[in-house]
Each structure stands twice: as structure tokens, then as C-alpha cells.
Amino acid sequence: PDPARLAEGLIDGIRQTGLHVLPWERTSRQFCARVAFLRAAEGAEDWPDLSDDALLARLEDWLLPWLGGLKSLAQLKKVPLAEALKSLLPWPMQQRLEMAAPTHFEVPTGSRIALDYTGDGEAPVLAVRVQELFGCTTHPAIAGGRVPLVVHLLSPARRPLQITRDLPGFWTTSYPAVRAEMRGRYPRHPWPEDPVAAAPTRRARPRG
């Protein structure tokens, strides 16, 4: 069969079946969510619509060039979906995306922690152990400091302790109660009285 007609048939099949037949991975979903975040934060005129409906409507524009040699929906797992989606942004916009909506956020310990843009909120989520934010006097933010992250503060066992959009406020209001409860549960980990003056850490004290 004519390869061009095969590709067109695959496009029709995807449109009828849905985008779930494509090889979605976390990075691809995060890419669309990051663009959607900036589309909401900076304006629809600056960023393309990468919602499922919009992607289905534009399959010929962004996916068709990647279907060469494929003959069935089952073979769509070979499509480099992340690259195909990235092709929707010109190079300058890809650079802006990396600057304004990064995939990771560096906390005071130097850890680069992946951000989650796929939640229902307007801001991405930073899930980090509370000890790694000791000494931090400003709330973590992206997009040039304009958008505060939703910070999920975790215990040493990575269980949620509190969700905050105001880290300095957490230190002065909620942290003393968290410290009182967690000191006995995780005695090898630091729980200083003054977290703003303490050094951030990823480590626990050695046993004994």
C-alpha cells in the first residue's frame, strides 16, 4: 500500500480510537501540562493548546510526519511521542519553557526534585522532605518568581506532613507542632527549634 495512504489511515484510526493508543509516558504528559501551565499563566496567544481535543484536531500537523513505515495501530508504540510533541514548539519557545516551567526545582541541599504539573491546581507541586528546606526564608517559586509552588512537605519516610503555599508562615505557625510530633517518631533526623537558622540536610545521624 501507498505509505502516504497508510499514514492517513493511521491518523483516522487514532482520531476514532483516541490519543490513548499513543505511547504516552510521564515525560510526555508533563510536557503538555507544562505548556498548559504557561498558557494559563502568560496567555493563550503565546502558547499552543495541547489539550487532548486540540491534539486530536491537529494530528496531521504534528504526528503525521512521524508515522512513516508504520502499518497498524499496534505499531504506534514505536512513535517517539515526546519528540513529536516538542516539535509543536519552535526552538525559542522550547527555551522559554525550560526557563519558566522547568521539569525540576533545586532545593537548598542541592537536590533537583521533579515538579508535578499534572494536578488539578494552577501551580505545580514540589514534594520535598522538610529537612531539605531548612534555612529557606522565601517560598519556592517558578516563572521568574511570579508563581509560588504548591509545596508538599514530607517526613523522612516521604509521608505528607503539610501542604503550603507560604513556607515562611509554616516555619512560624505549624512547624512547632510538627516538630513536637516528629521528634519521637524520627529521632535520627534533625528537628531544630529554629528551622530558618538550621542547615538543610538530606542525611540522618548515624546509628549509635
C-alpha atoms as a PDB file:
ATOM      1  CA  PRO A   1       0.000   0.000   0.000  1.00  0.00           C
ATOM      2  CA  ASP A   2       0.985   3.596  -0.580  1.00  0.00           C
ATOM      3  CA  PRO A   3       2.859   4.762   2.590  1.00  0.00           C
ATOM      4  CA  ALA A   4       1.074   8.119   2.485  1.00  0.00           C
ATOM      5  CA  ARG A   5      -2.334   6.407   2.469  1.00  0.00           C
ATOM      6  CA  LEU A   6      -1.226   4.120   5.314  1.00  0.00           C
ATOM      7  CA  ALA A   7      -0.246   7.155   7.401  1.00  0.00           C
ATOM      8  CA  GLU A   8      -3.574   8.826   6.642  1.00  0.00           C
ATOM      9  CA  GLY A   9      -5.377   5.635   7.665  1.00  0.00           C
ATOM     10  CA  LEU A  10      -3.472   5.597  10.955  1.00  0.00           C
ATOM     11  CA  ILE A  11      -4.454   9.215  11.571  1.00  0.00           C
ATOM     12  CA  ASP A  12      -8.113   8.283  11.017  1.00  0.00           C
ATOM     13  CA  GLY A  13      -7.727   5.310  13.371  1.00  0.00           C
ATOM     14  CA  ILE A  14      -6.167   7.449  16.112  1.00  0.00           C
ATOM     15  CA  ARG A  15      -8.867  10.071  15.754  1.00  0.00           C
ATOM     16  CA  GLN A  16     -11.619   7.448  16.083  1.00  0.00           C
ATOM     17  CA  THR A  17      -9.952   5.469  18.891  1.00  0.00           C
ATOM     18  CA  GLY A  18      -8.404   8.255  20.954  1.00  0.00           C
ATOM     19  CA  LEU A  19      -4.986   9.515  21.949  1.00  0.00           C
ATOM     20  CA  HIS A  20      -4.583   6.717  24.478  1.00  0.00           C
ATOM     21  CA  VAL A  21      -3.359   4.462  21.646  1.00  0.00           C
ATOM     22  CA  LEU A  22      -0.158   6.527  21.504  1.00  0.00           C
ATOM     23  CA  PRO A  23       2.835   5.577  23.717  1.00  0.00           C
ATOM     24  CA  TRP A  24       2.301   8.159  26.463  1.00  0.00           C
ATOM     25  CA  GLU A  25       4.944   8.332  29.153  1.00  0.00           C
ATOM     26  CA  ARG A  26       5.240  10.625  32.161  1.00  0.00           C
ATOM     27  CA  THR A  27       7.581  12.999  30.330  1.00  0.00           C
ATOM     28  CA  SER A  28       5.080  13.468  27.503  1.00  0.00           C
ATOM     29  CA  ARG A  29       2.175  14.154  29.857  1.00  0.00           C
ATOM     30  CA  GLN A  30       4.345  16.529  31.870  1.00  0.00           C
ATOM     31  CA  PHE A  31       5.369  18.368  28.697  1.00  0.00           C
ATOM     32  CA  CYS A  32       1.733  19.038  27.779  1.00  0.00           C
ATOM     33  CA  ALA A  33       0.948  20.035  31.362  1.00  0.00           C
ATOM     34  CA  ARG A  34       3.895  22.452  31.476  1.00  0.00           C
ATOM     35  CA  VAL A  35       2.728  24.146  28.287  1.00  0.00           C
ATOM     36  CA  ALA A  36      -0.821  24.299  29.672  1.00  0.00           C
ATOM     37  CA  PHE A  37       0.531  25.913  32.844  1.00  0.00           C
ATOM     38  CA  LEU A  38       2.287  28.669  30.884  1.00  0.00           C
ATOM     39  CA  ARG A  39      -0.712  29.042  28.592  1.00  0.00           C
ATOM     40  CA  ALA A  40      -2.768  29.874  31.693  1.00  0.00           C
ATOM     41  CA  ALA A  41      -0.053  31.971  33.351  1.00  0.00           C
ATOM     42  CA  GLU A  42       1.134  34.008  30.341  1.00  0.00           C
ATOM     43  CA  GLY A  43      -1.769  33.933  27.914  1.00  0.00           C
ATOM     44  CA  ALA A  44      -3.237  31.679  25.226  1.00  0.00           C
ATOM     45  CA  GLU A  45      -1.847  33.871  22.457  1.00  0.00           C
ATOM     46  CA  ASP A  46       1.713  32.920  23.463  1.00  0.00           C
ATOM     47  CA  TRP A  47       1.393  29.149  23.907  1.00  0.00           C
ATOM     48  CA  PRO A  48      -0.376  26.484  21.812  1.00  0.00           C
ATOM     49  CA  ASP A  49      -3.282  24.429  23.072  1.00  0.00           C
ATOM     50  CA  LEU A  50      -2.008  20.902  23.786  1.00  0.00           C
ATOM     51  CA  SER A  51      -5.197  19.542  25.280  1.00  0.00           C
ATOM     52  CA  ASP A  52      -6.330  16.136  24.022  1.00  0.00           C
ATOM     53  CA  ASP A  53      -9.069  17.697  21.887  1.00  0.00           C
ATOM     54  CA  ALA A  54      -6.655  20.146  20.286  1.00  0.00           C
ATOM     55  CA  LEU A  55      -4.050  17.456  19.625  1.00  0.00           C
ATOM     56  CA  LEU A  56      -6.658  15.207  18.003  1.00  0.00           C
ATOM     57  CA  ALA A  57      -7.802  18.055  15.778  1.00  0.00           C
ATOM     58  CA  ARG A  58      -4.214  18.730  14.604  1.00  0.00           C
ATOM     59  CA  LEU A  59      -2.899  15.193  14.147  1.00  0.00           C
ATOM     60  CA  GLU A  60      -1.920  15.903  10.541  1.00  0.00           C
ATOM     61  CA  ASP A  61       0.260  18.830  11.648  1.00  0.00           C
ATOM     62  CA  TRP A  62       2.338  17.222  14.401  1.00  0.00           C
ATOM     63  CA  LEU A  63       2.012  13.434  14.249  1.00  0.00           C
ATOM     64  CA  LEU A  64       1.762  12.581  10.552  1.00  0.00           C
ATOM     65  CA  PRO A  65       5.498  13.172   9.838  1.00  0.00           C
ATOM     66  CA  TRP A  66       6.384  10.514  12.462  1.00  0.00           C
ATOM     67  CA  LEU A  67       4.228   7.735  11.044  1.00  0.00           C
ATOM     68  CA  GLY A  68       6.417   6.725   8.118  1.00  0.00           C
ATOM     69  CA  GLY A  69       6.786   2.962   7.790  1.00  0.00           C
ATOM     70  CA  LEU A  70       4.078   2.121  10.342  1.00  0.00           C
ATOM     71  CA  LYS A  71       1.221  -0.120   9.216  1.00  0.00           C
ATOM     72  CA  SER A  72      -1.034  -0.653  12.247  1.00  0.00           C
ATOM     73  CA  LEU A  73      -2.199   0.980  15.446  1.00  0.00           C
ATOM     74  CA  ALA A  74      -0.211  -1.640  17.367  1.00  0.00           C
ATOM     75  CA  GLN A  75       2.994  -0.267  15.816  1.00  0.00           C
ATOM     76  CA  LEU A  76       2.328   3.217  17.210  1.00  0.00           C
ATOM     77  CA  LYS A  77       4.414   2.253  20.250  1.00  0.00           C
ATOM     78  CA  LYS A  78       7.416   2.996  18.013  1.00  0.00           C
ATOM     79  CA  VAL A  79       6.484   6.683  17.692  1.00  0.00           C
ATOM     80  CA  PRO A  80       8.891   8.995  19.598  1.00  0.00           C
ATOM     81  CA  LEU A  81       5.959  10.829  21.111  1.00  0.00           C
ATOM     82  CA  ALA A  82       7.997  13.224  23.256  1.00  0.00           C
ATOM     83  CA  GLU A  83       9.883  14.458  20.191  1.00  0.00           C
ATOM     84  CA  ALA A  84       6.700  14.746  18.161  1.00  0.00           C
ATOM     85  CA  LEU A  85       5.070  16.910  20.827  1.00  0.00           C
ATOM     86  CA  LYS A  86       8.178  19.038  21.222  1.00  0.00           C
ATOM     87  CA  SER A  87       8.058  19.796  17.501  1.00  0.00           C
ATOM     88  CA  LEU A  88       4.917  21.841  18.181  1.00  0.00           C
ATOM     89  CA  LEU A  89       7.098  24.489  19.839  1.00  0.00           C
ATOM     90  CA  PRO A  90       9.698  26.458  17.890  1.00  0.00           C
ATOM     91  CA  TRP A  91      13.158  26.469  19.432  1.00  0.00           C
ATOM     92  CA  PRO A  92      12.827  29.871  21.188  1.00  0.00           C
ATOM     93  CA  MET A  93       9.616  28.690  22.870  1.00  0.00           C
ATOM     94  CA  GLN A  94      11.281  25.451  23.948  1.00  0.00           C
ATOM     95  CA  GLN A  95      13.953  27.539  25.668  1.00  0.00           C
ATOM     96  CA  ARG A  96      11.302  29.706  27.332  1.00  0.00           C
ATOM     97  CA  LEU A  97       9.543  26.578  28.534  1.00  0.00           C
ATOM     98  CA  GLU A  98      12.707  25.274  30.188  1.00  0.00           C
ATOM     99  CA  MET A  99      13.286  28.607  31.918  1.00  0.00           C
ATOM    100  CA  ALA A 100       9.752  29.439  33.040  1.00  0.00           C
ATOM    101  CA  ALA A 101       8.351  25.943  33.679  1.00  0.00           C
ATOM    102  CA  PRO A 102      11.334  23.713  34.497  1.00  0.00           C
ATOM    103  CA  THR A 103      10.992  19.980  34.963  1.00  0.00           C
ATOM    104  CA  HIS A 104      12.929  20.119  38.255  1.00  0.00           C
ATOM    105  CA  PHE A 105      13.432  22.556  41.137  1.00  0.00           C
ATOM    106  CA  GLU A 106      16.700  22.795  43.091  1.00  0.00           C
ATOM    107  CA  VAL A 107      16.194  22.972  46.868  1.00  0.00           C
ATOM    108  CA  PRO A 108      18.772  24.311  49.391  1.00  0.00           C
ATOM    109  CA  THR A 109      20.518  20.929  49.743  1.00  0.00           C
ATOM    110  CA  GLY A 110      21.254  20.912  46.017  1.00  0.00           C
ATOM    111  CA  SER A 111      18.738  18.150  45.285  1.00  0.00           C
ATOM    112  CA  ARG A 112      16.955  18.607  41.950  1.00  0.00           C
ATOM    113  CA  ILE A 113      13.398  17.463  42.591  1.00  0.00           C
ATOM    114  CA  ALA A 114      10.917  16.763  39.799  1.00  0.00           C
ATOM    115  CA  LEU A 115       7.909  19.063  39.697  1.00  0.00           C
ATOM    116  CA  ASP A 116       4.434  17.698  39.044  1.00  0.00           C
ATOM    117  CA  TYR A 117       2.362  19.825  36.654  1.00  0.00           C
ATOM    118  CA  THR A 118      -0.423  17.299  36.161  1.00  0.00           C
ATOM    119  CA  GLY A 119      -2.521  18.109  39.237  1.00  0.00           C
ATOM    120  CA  ASP A 120      -5.790  19.999  39.273  1.00  0.00           C
ATOM    121  CA  GLY A 121      -4.291  23.145  40.818  1.00  0.00           C
ATOM    122  CA  GLU A 122      -2.992  26.168  38.939  1.00  0.00           C
ATOM    123  CA  ALA A 123       0.572  25.753  40.238  1.00  0.00           C
ATOM    124  CA  PRO A 124       2.870  22.721  40.015  1.00  0.00           C
ATOM    125  CA  VAL A 125       3.686  20.626  43.072  1.00  0.00           C
ATOM    126  CA  LEU A 126       7.075  20.331  44.770  1.00  0.00           C
ATOM    127  CA  ALA A 127       7.140  17.308  47.100  1.00  0.00           C
ATOM    128  CA  VAL A 128      10.204  17.523  49.357  1.00  0.00           C
ATOM    129  CA  ARG A 129      11.320  16.356  52.792  1.00  0.00           C
ATOM    130  CA  VAL A 130      11.069  19.198  55.271  1.00  0.00           C
ATOM    131  CA  GLN A 131      14.744  18.866  56.313  1.00  0.00           C
ATOM    132  CA  GLU A 132      15.852  19.844  52.807  1.00  0.00           C
ATOM    133  CA  LEU A 133      14.197  23.249  53.192  1.00  0.00           C
ATOM    134  CA  PHE A 134      15.787  24.289  56.482  1.00  0.00           C
ATOM    135  CA  GLY A 135      17.225  27.773  56.165  1.00  0.00           C
ATOM    136  CA  CYS A 136      14.854  28.724  53.344  1.00  0.00           C
ATOM    137  CA  THR A 137      13.287  32.127  54.086  1.00  0.00           C
ATOM    138  CA  THR A 138      11.373  32.590  50.826  1.00  0.00           C
ATOM    139  CA  HIS A 139       8.701  30.387  49.330  1.00  0.00           C
ATOM    140  CA  PRO A 140       9.841  28.307  46.314  1.00  0.00           C
ATOM    141  CA  ALA A 141       8.532  29.772  43.060  1.00  0.00           C
ATOM    142  CA  ILE A 142       8.986  29.500  39.279  1.00  0.00           C
ATOM    143  CA  ALA A 143       8.202  31.639  36.226  1.00  0.00           C
ATOM    144  CA  GLY A 144      10.643  34.288  37.340  1.00  0.00           C
ATOM    145  CA  GLY A 145       9.332  34.137  40.909  1.00  0.00           C
ATOM    146  CA  ARG A 146       5.779  35.003  39.850  1.00  0.00           C
ATOM    147  CA  VAL A 147       4.185  31.620  40.596  1.00  0.00           C
ATOM    148  CA  PRO A 148       4.592  30.063  44.071  1.00  0.00           C
ATOM    149  CA  LEU A 149       4.828  26.292  44.005  1.00  0.00           C
ATOM    150  CA  VAL A 150       2.440  24.120  45.988  1.00  0.00           C
ATOM    151  CA  VAL A 151       4.904  22.601  48.453  1.00  0.00           C
ATOM    152  CA  HIS A 152       4.122  19.168  49.873  1.00  0.00           C
ATOM    153  CA  LEU A 153       6.290  18.899  52.975  1.00  0.00           C
ATOM    154  CA  LEU A 154       7.270  15.280  53.623  1.00  0.00           C
ATOM    155  CA  SER A 155       8.538  13.326  56.597  1.00  0.00           C
ATOM    156  CA  PRO A 156      11.861  11.430  56.404  1.00  0.00           C
ATOM    157  CA  ALA A 157       9.763   8.448  55.265  1.00  0.00           C
ATOM    158  CA  ARG A 158       8.353  10.648  52.486  1.00  0.00           C
ATOM    159  CA  ARG A 159       4.883  10.747  54.040  1.00  0.00           C
ATOM    160  CA  PRO A 160       2.974  14.053  53.753  1.00  0.00           C
ATOM    161  CA  LEU A 161       3.147  16.355  56.769  1.00  0.00           C
ATOM    162  CA  GLN A 162       1.609  19.542  55.381  1.00  0.00           C
ATOM    163  CA  ILE A 163       0.774  21.349  52.149  1.00  0.00           C
ATOM    164  CA  THR A 164       1.685  25.014  51.979  1.00  0.00           C
ATOM    165  CA  ARG A 165       1.944  27.987  49.659  1.00  0.00           C
ATOM    166  CA  ASP A 166       3.637  30.011  52.411  1.00  0.00           C
ATOM    167  CA  LEU A 167       6.832  28.359  53.673  1.00  0.00           C
ATOM    168  CA  PRO A 168       7.900  31.284  55.938  1.00  0.00           C
ATOM    169  CA  GLY A 169       4.447  31.175  57.503  1.00  0.00           C
ATOM    170  CA  PHE A 170       4.747  27.411  58.031  1.00  0.00           C
ATOM    171  CA  TRP A 171       8.000  27.845  59.963  1.00  0.00           C
ATOM    172  CA  THR A 172       6.383  30.250  62.426  1.00  0.00           C
ATOM    173  CA  THR A 173       2.920  28.690  62.812  1.00  0.00           C
ATOM    174  CA  SER A 174       2.719  24.961  62.063  1.00  0.00           C
ATOM    175  CA  TYR A 175       6.317  23.757  62.334  1.00  0.00           C
ATOM    176  CA  PRO A 176       6.489  23.707  66.177  1.00  0.00           C
ATOM    177  CA  ALA A 177       3.584  21.236  66.305  1.00  0.00           C
ATOM    178  CA  VAL A 178       5.119  19.140  63.510  1.00  0.00           C
ATOM    179  CA  ARG A 179       8.441  19.142  65.365  1.00  0.00           C
ATOM    180  CA  ALA A 180       6.838  18.055  68.629  1.00  0.00           C
ATOM    181  CA  GLU A 181       5.156  15.086  66.932  1.00  0.00           C
ATOM    182  CA  MET A 182       8.000  14.022  64.624  1.00  0.00           C
ATOM    183  CA  ARG A 183      10.976  14.213  67.034  1.00  0.00           C
ATOM    184  CA  GLY A 184       9.992  10.990  68.749  1.00  0.00           C
ATOM    185  CA  ARG A 185       8.999   9.235  65.556  1.00  0.00           C
ATOM    186  CA  TYR A 186      12.192  10.081  63.641  1.00  0.00           C
ATOM    187  CA  PRO A 187      14.851  10.709  66.333  1.00  0.00           C
ATOM    188  CA  ARG A 188      17.786  10.280  63.957  1.00  0.00           C
ATOM    189  CA  HIS A 189      16.653  13.205  61.824  1.00  0.00           C
ATOM    190  CA  PRO A 190      17.125  16.847  62.855  1.00  0.00           C
ATOM    191  CA  TRP A 191      14.151  18.829  64.154  1.00  0.00           C
ATOM    192  CA  PRO A 192      15.711  22.127  65.242  1.00  0.00           C
ATOM    193  CA  GLU A 193      13.785  24.678  67.246  1.00  0.00           C
ATOM    194  CA  ASP A 194      14.714  27.360  64.714  1.00  0.00           C
ATOM    195  CA  PRO A 195      14.451  25.804  61.222  1.00  0.00           C
ATOM    196  CA  VAL A 196      15.312  29.092  59.500  1.00  0.00           C
ATOM    197  CA  ALA A 197      18.724  29.182  61.210  1.00  0.00           C
ATOM    198  CA  ALA A 198      19.420  25.459  60.637  1.00  0.00           C
ATOM    199  CA  ALA A 199      21.389  23.999  57.748  1.00  0.00           C
ATOM    200  CA  PRO A 200      19.390  21.959  55.213  1.00  0.00           C
ATOM    201  CA  THR A 201      20.279  18.284  55.042  1.00  0.00           C
ATOM    202  CA  ARG A 202      19.492  15.055  53.207  1.00  0.00           C
ATOM    203  CA  ARG A 203      21.108  12.868  55.860  1.00  0.00           C
ATOM    204  CA  ALA A 204      20.194  11.254  59.142  1.00  0.00           C
ATOM    205  CA  ARG A 205      22.529  10.885  62.107  1.00  0.00           C
ATOM    206  CA  PRO A 206      24.442   7.571  62.142  1.00  0.00           C
ATOM    207  CA  ARG A 207      23.033   4.867  64.391  1.00  0.00           C
ATOM    208  CA  GLY A 208      24.597   4.732  67.833  1.00  0.00           C
END
